Amino acid sequence: MTAPDIRLVVADLDGTLLDEHKRLPDGTIDLIRDLQAAGVAFAPASGRQWATLTAMFEPVSDGLVIIAENGSYVTDRGTEVAVHPLDAAWVSTSVARIQELADEGVDLGIVVCGVKSAWITRTDRPFLDQVEPYYRRLEVTDDLTTIDDTIIKLAVHDFGDLEAVTAPFLREYCQPNPVAVSGAHWVDVMAEGVDKGLAVRELQKAMGIDATQTMAFGDYLNDYEMLQAADWSFAMGNAHPDIIDVANYTAPPNTENGVITTVRTVLGI
């Protein structure tokens, strides 16, 4: 069978490309090099910061396409493709309102995500342990409402039941801005209309390709729109039921190197 004309491979990280220890599995860098040699772009798509993703894929980062901050910041080989800032006044008001939840007893921490850095006020070790793996560039400030940066995302980590208070509040308060649950305790707020799917479509336009030339892998709800943007959409074997329903195909789970195995099998590389 002739391999499809895939020009872009997009993969979520946690629960998708990364193994159960949140590490790149053996063979990832070799796969990306083989894809690039064949004229196929590879894009990690994550809620992580751009600087964090660049460091994770350092051996091949110069040739990498990156979808960072759940689609808020997109680059192609270091060149910006799309930046979706939040309104500064809205950020200030929203941060103050979210902080009120913490003052009322909800055990949460706020990360204000900018193009230059991520910004926090909470500095206890349990919170830093949750933040540091995702935000390589991290600054501590006394006031999250007066940051000198282009703000592209708000991230909130709730140490308790995310769906008890924090996520429902943000869905109601932040409308029409999208609210993406990106993990058991993380929720992200982006600019209106922004998600990983928009990022994929922006890349397709910039690259002059379409959904038939795009392969995407995901496992969780913040991957939903991304999978809709690719004809070659794969839900991991460990994926959320809604992701399995929206994807056109299924890949082995992340614990079985599902992304690498599937890409090599389908593309014959």
Protein backbone atom coordinates (compact mmCIF):
# COMPACT_ATOMS: atom_id res chain seq x y z
CA MET A 1 0.00 0.00 0.00
CA THR A 2 1.25 3.47 -0.88
CA ALA A 3 1.94 5.62 2.17
CA PRO A 4 -0.29 8.70 2.50
CA ASP A 5 1.13 12.12 1.65
CA ILE A 6 1.49 13.29 5.24
CA ARG A 7 3.27 16.64 5.65
CA LEU A 8 2.53 17.36 9.32
CA VAL A 9 2.47 15.06 12.36
CA VAL A 10 1.08 16.59 15.57
CA ALA A 11 1.24 14.86 18.95
CA ASP A 12 0.01 15.79 22.39
CA LEU A 13 2.53 14.96 25.12
CA ASP A 14 1.13 13.76 28.48
CA GLY A 15 -0.73 10.52 27.97
CA THR A 16 0.10 10.51 24.26
CA LEU A 17 3.75 10.77 23.21
CA LEU A 18 5.32 10.69 26.68
CA ASP A 19 5.60 7.44 28.61
CA GLU A 20 4.06 6.75 32.02
CA HIS A 21 6.98 8.61 33.64
CA LYS A 22 6.34 11.72 31.51
CA ARG A 23 9.53 11.15 29.53
CA LEU A 24 10.14 11.03 25.79
CA PRO A 25 10.27 7.35 24.88
CA ASP A 26 13.34 5.88 23.23
CA GLY A 27 13.27 6.48 19.51
CA THR A 28 11.47 9.84 19.60
CA ILE A 29 14.38 11.96 18.40
CA ASP A 30 15.31 9.41 15.72
CA LEU A 31 11.71 9.44 14.48
CA ILE A 32 11.64 13.23 14.26
CA ARG A 33 14.93 13.24 12.35
CA ASP A 34 13.56 10.66 9.91
CA LEU A 35 10.37 12.69 9.45
CA GLN A 36 12.30 15.89 8.82
CA ALA A 37 14.55 14.11 6.32
CA ALA A 38 11.40 12.98 4.49
CA GLY A 39 9.99 16.52 4.43
CA VAL A 40 7.44 15.91 7.17
CA ALA A 41 7.12 18.45 9.99
CA PHE A 42 6.68 17.21 13.55
CA ALA A 43 4.85 19.34 16.11
CA PRO A 44 4.48 18.67 19.83
CA ALA A 45 1.16 20.18 20.93
CA SER A 46 0.95 20.91 24.62
CA GLY A 47 -0.16 23.23 27.37
CA ARG A 48 3.52 23.55 28.17
CA GLN A 49 5.49 26.71 27.62
CA TRP A 50 7.40 27.20 24.36
CA ALA A 51 10.76 27.31 26.18
CA THR A 52 9.96 24.04 27.94
CA LEU A 53 9.10 22.29 24.68
CA THR A 54 12.24 23.60 23.00
CA ALA A 55 14.35 22.19 25.82
CA MET A 56 12.56 18.83 25.78
CA PHE A 57 13.31 18.34 22.08
CA GLU A 58 16.69 20.11 22.12
CA PRO A 59 18.55 17.80 19.68
CA VAL A 60 16.00 18.59 16.93
CA SER A 61 14.44 21.82 18.18
CA ASP A 62 15.89 23.98 15.38
CA GLY A 63 13.74 22.13 12.85
CA LEU A 64 10.69 21.73 15.04
CA VAL A 65 7.18 23.08 14.66
CA ILE A 66 5.78 23.87 18.13
CA ILE A 67 2.22 24.30 19.40
CA ALA A 68 2.64 25.72 22.90
CA GLU A 69 0.26 26.93 25.61
CA ASN A 70 -2.64 24.84 24.22
CA GLY A 71 -2.49 26.64 20.88
CA SER A 72 -1.87 30.19 22.07
CA TYR A 73 1.69 30.32 20.70
CA VAL A 74 2.74 28.59 17.48
CA THR A 75 6.13 28.58 15.78
CA ASP A 76 7.74 26.93 12.76
CA ARG A 77 11.51 26.48 13.10
CA GLY A 78 11.71 29.40 15.49
CA THR A 79 9.52 31.76 13.46
CA GLU A 80 6.22 32.84 14.96
CA VAL A 81 3.20 31.55 13.06
CA ALA A 82 0.53 32.70 15.51
CA VAL A 83 0.31 34.54 18.83
CA HIS A 84 -3.05 34.90 20.55
CA PRO A 85 -2.87 37.38 23.44
CA LEU A 86 -5.43 37.83 26.17
CA ASP A 87 -6.75 41.31 26.87
CA ALA A 88 -4.57 42.81 29.61
CA ALA A 89 -7.46 44.40 31.52
CA TRP A 90 -9.40 41.14 31.42
CA VAL A 91 -6.36 39.27 32.74
CA SER A 92 -6.04 41.63 35.70
CA THR A 93 -9.72 41.33 36.61
CA SER A 94 -9.74 37.56 36.16
CA VAL A 95 -6.61 36.98 38.23
CA ALA A 96 -8.12 39.00 41.06
CA ARG A 97 -11.35 37.01 40.89
CA ILE A 98 -9.55 33.65 40.82
CA GLN A 99 -7.45 34.74 43.77
CA GLU A 100 -10.70 35.32 45.67
CA LEU A 101 -11.39 31.58 45.32
CA ALA A 102 -8.05 30.88 46.98
CA ASP A 103 -8.86 33.39 49.72
CA GLU A 104 -12.13 31.53 50.27
CA GLY A 105 -10.25 28.30 50.91
CA VAL A 106 -9.76 26.64 47.53
CA ASP A 107 -6.20 25.25 47.43
CA LEU A 108 -5.13 26.61 44.05
CA GLY A 109 -2.27 28.43 42.40
CA ILE A 110 -2.30 30.74 39.39
CA VAL A 111 0.23 30.83 36.55
CA VAL A 112 0.05 33.83 34.24
CA CYS A 113 1.65 32.69 30.99
CA GLY A 114 3.41 35.25 28.82
CA VAL A 115 5.45 35.05 25.65
CA LYS A 116 8.64 35.89 27.58
CA SER A 117 8.00 33.94 30.78
CA ALA A 118 5.45 32.43 33.11
CA TRP A 119 4.63 34.35 36.28
CA ILE A 120 3.56 33.23 39.76
CA THR A 121 3.12 34.62 43.26
CA ARG A 122 2.73 31.32 45.11
CA THR A 123 6.13 29.79 45.92
CA ASP A 124 5.57 26.86 48.29
CA ARG A 125 7.35 23.67 47.26
CA PRO A 126 4.19 21.59 46.57
CA PHE A 127 3.01 24.20 44.06
CA LEU A 128 6.44 24.64 42.47
CA ASP A 129 6.68 20.87 42.04
CA GLN A 130 3.56 21.05 39.86
CA VAL A 131 4.59 24.16 37.93
CA GLU A 132 8.28 23.74 37.18
CA PRO A 133 8.02 20.72 34.83
CA TYR A 134 5.75 22.73 32.51
CA TYR A 135 7.29 26.21 32.73
CA ARG A 136 11.05 26.36 32.21
CA ARG A 137 11.03 30.16 32.23
CA LEU A 138 9.38 31.09 35.50
CA GLU A 139 9.37 34.40 37.35
CA VAL A 140 8.08 35.25 40.82
CA THR A 141 6.25 38.54 41.22
CA ASP A 142 4.34 40.31 43.97
CA ASP A 143 1.49 41.24 41.64
CA LEU A 144 0.15 39.13 38.77
CA THR A 145 -1.96 42.03 37.49
CA THR A 146 0.95 44.30 36.48
CA ILE A 147 3.17 42.01 34.41
CA ASP A 148 5.23 43.47 31.55
CA ASP A 149 4.63 40.71 29.03
CA THR A 150 2.20 39.64 26.32
CA ILE A 151 -0.14 37.32 28.21
CA ILE A 152 -1.35 34.34 26.19
CA LYS A 153 -2.82 32.00 28.81
CA LEU A 154 -3.98 31.69 32.40
CA ALA A 155 -3.32 28.34 34.06
CA VAL A 156 -4.76 27.27 37.39
CA HIS A 157 -3.66 24.26 39.43
CA ASP A 158 -6.23 23.01 41.95
CA PHE A 159 -4.85 20.53 44.48
CA GLY A 160 -8.35 19.28 45.26
CA ASP A 161 -11.22 18.22 43.02
CA LEU A 162 -10.89 20.46 39.98
CA GLU A 163 -14.53 19.93 39.01
CA ALA A 164 -15.88 20.82 42.46
CA VAL A 165 -15.34 24.59 42.26
CA THR A 166 -12.52 25.84 40.05
CA ALA A 167 -13.35 24.42 36.61
CA PRO A 168 -17.11 25.17 36.79
CA PHE A 169 -16.36 28.70 37.99
CA LEU A 170 -13.91 29.35 35.16
CA ARG A 171 -16.28 27.98 32.52
CA GLU A 172 -18.96 30.38 33.70
CA TYR A 173 -16.80 33.40 34.47
CA CYS A 174 -14.49 33.26 31.44
CA GLN A 175 -17.08 32.98 28.68
CA PRO A 176 -16.58 33.22 25.74
CA ASN A 177 -12.91 32.39 26.33
CA PRO A 178 -12.21 28.65 26.03
CA VAL A 179 -11.46 26.77 29.23
CA ALA A 180 -9.43 23.58 28.68
CA VAL A 181 -9.04 20.92 31.35
CA SER A 182 -5.52 19.73 30.56
CA GLY A 183 -5.05 17.25 33.40
CA ALA A 184 -6.52 15.96 36.61
CA HIS A 185 -5.66 19.21 38.43
CA TRP A 186 -4.85 21.72 35.68
CA VAL A 187 -7.19 24.03 33.79
CA ASP A 188 -6.15 26.59 31.17
CA VAL A 189 -7.89 29.70 29.85
CA MET A 190 -6.96 31.04 26.42
CA ALA A 191 -8.13 33.87 24.18
CA GLU A 192 -11.50 33.46 22.51
CA GLY A 193 -11.44 30.83 19.75
CA VAL A 194 -8.02 29.44 20.68
CA ASP A 195 -7.37 25.72 21.03
CA LYS A 196 -4.99 23.15 19.56
CA GLY A 197 -7.30 22.72 16.59
CA LEU A 198 -6.97 26.37 15.61
CA ALA A 199 -3.20 26.02 15.89
CA VAL A 200 -3.21 23.05 13.52
CA ARG A 201 -5.34 24.93 11.00
CA GLU A 202 -3.00 27.92 11.21
CA LEU A 203 -0.05 25.65 10.51
CA GLN A 204 -1.86 24.01 7.62
CA LYS A 205 -2.50 27.41 6.07
CA ALA A 206 1.10 28.53 6.60
CA MET A 207 2.45 25.29 5.13
CA GLY A 208 0.01 25.14 2.23
CA ILE A 209 -1.42 21.75 3.25
CA ASP A 210 -4.79 20.45 4.40
CA ALA A 211 -6.37 17.94 6.77
CA THR A 212 -5.70 15.02 4.42
CA GLN A 213 -1.96 15.65 4.85
CA THR A 214 -2.13 15.93 8.63
CA MET A 215 -1.73 13.22 11.27
CA ALA A 216 -2.63 13.96 14.90
CA PHE A 217 -2.47 12.00 18.16
CA GLY A 218 -4.26 12.78 21.43
CA ASP A 219 -5.69 11.30 24.58
CA TYR A 220 -7.56 13.99 26.52
CA LEU A 221 -10.32 16.55 26.09
CA ASN A 222 -8.00 19.44 25.22
CA ASP A 223 -6.99 17.41 22.13
CA TYR A 224 -10.56 17.19 20.78
CA GLU A 225 -10.43 20.07 18.28
CA MET A 226 -6.91 19.10 17.20
CA LEU A 227 -8.12 15.67 16.16
CA GLN A 228 -10.99 17.24 14.25
CA ALA A 229 -8.44 19.21 12.20
CA ALA A 230 -6.68 16.06 10.90
CA ASP A 231 -8.06 13.32 8.67
CA TRP A 232 -5.41 10.98 10.07
CA SER A 233 -6.57 11.42 13.67
CA PHE A 234 -5.57 8.84 16.27
CA ALA A 235 -6.88 8.38 19.81
CA MET A 236 -4.46 6.61 22.08
CA GLY A 237 -5.59 3.30 23.53
CA ASN A 238 -5.66 4.99 26.94
CA ALA A 239 -7.71 7.98 25.71
CA HIS A 240 -10.82 9.57 27.19
CA PRO A 241 -13.99 8.02 25.67
CA ASP A 242 -14.91 11.30 23.93
CA ILE A 243 -11.49 11.36 22.25
CA ILE A 244 -11.91 7.79 21.05
CA ASP A 245 -15.28 8.79 19.60
CA VAL A 246 -13.98 11.83 17.68
CA ALA A 247 -10.81 10.22 16.28
CA ASN A 248 -10.86 8.31 13.02
CA TYR A 249 -8.37 5.70 14.24
CA THR A 250 -6.91 4.23 17.41
CA ALA A 251 -3.22 3.90 18.29
CA PRO A 252 -1.66 1.72 20.99
CA PRO A 253 -1.48 3.40 24.42
CA ASN A 254 1.32 5.77 25.35
CA THR A 255 2.82 3.07 27.58
CA GLU A 256 3.39 0.96 24.45
CA ASN A 257 5.09 3.66 22.34
CA GLY A 258 1.89 4.13 20.37
CA VAL A 259 2.81 7.33 18.53
CA ILE A 260 6.20 6.17 17.28
CA THR A 261 4.92 2.74 16.28
CA THR A 262 1.93 4.14 14.40
CA VAL A 263 3.82 6.86 12.54
CA ARG A 264 6.47 4.42 11.36
CA THR A 265 3.86 1.85 10.34
CA VAL A 266 1.59 4.25 8.44
CA LEU A 267 4.37 6.22 6.74
CA GLY A 268 6.73 3.30 6.24
CA ILE A 269 9.77 5.09 7.63
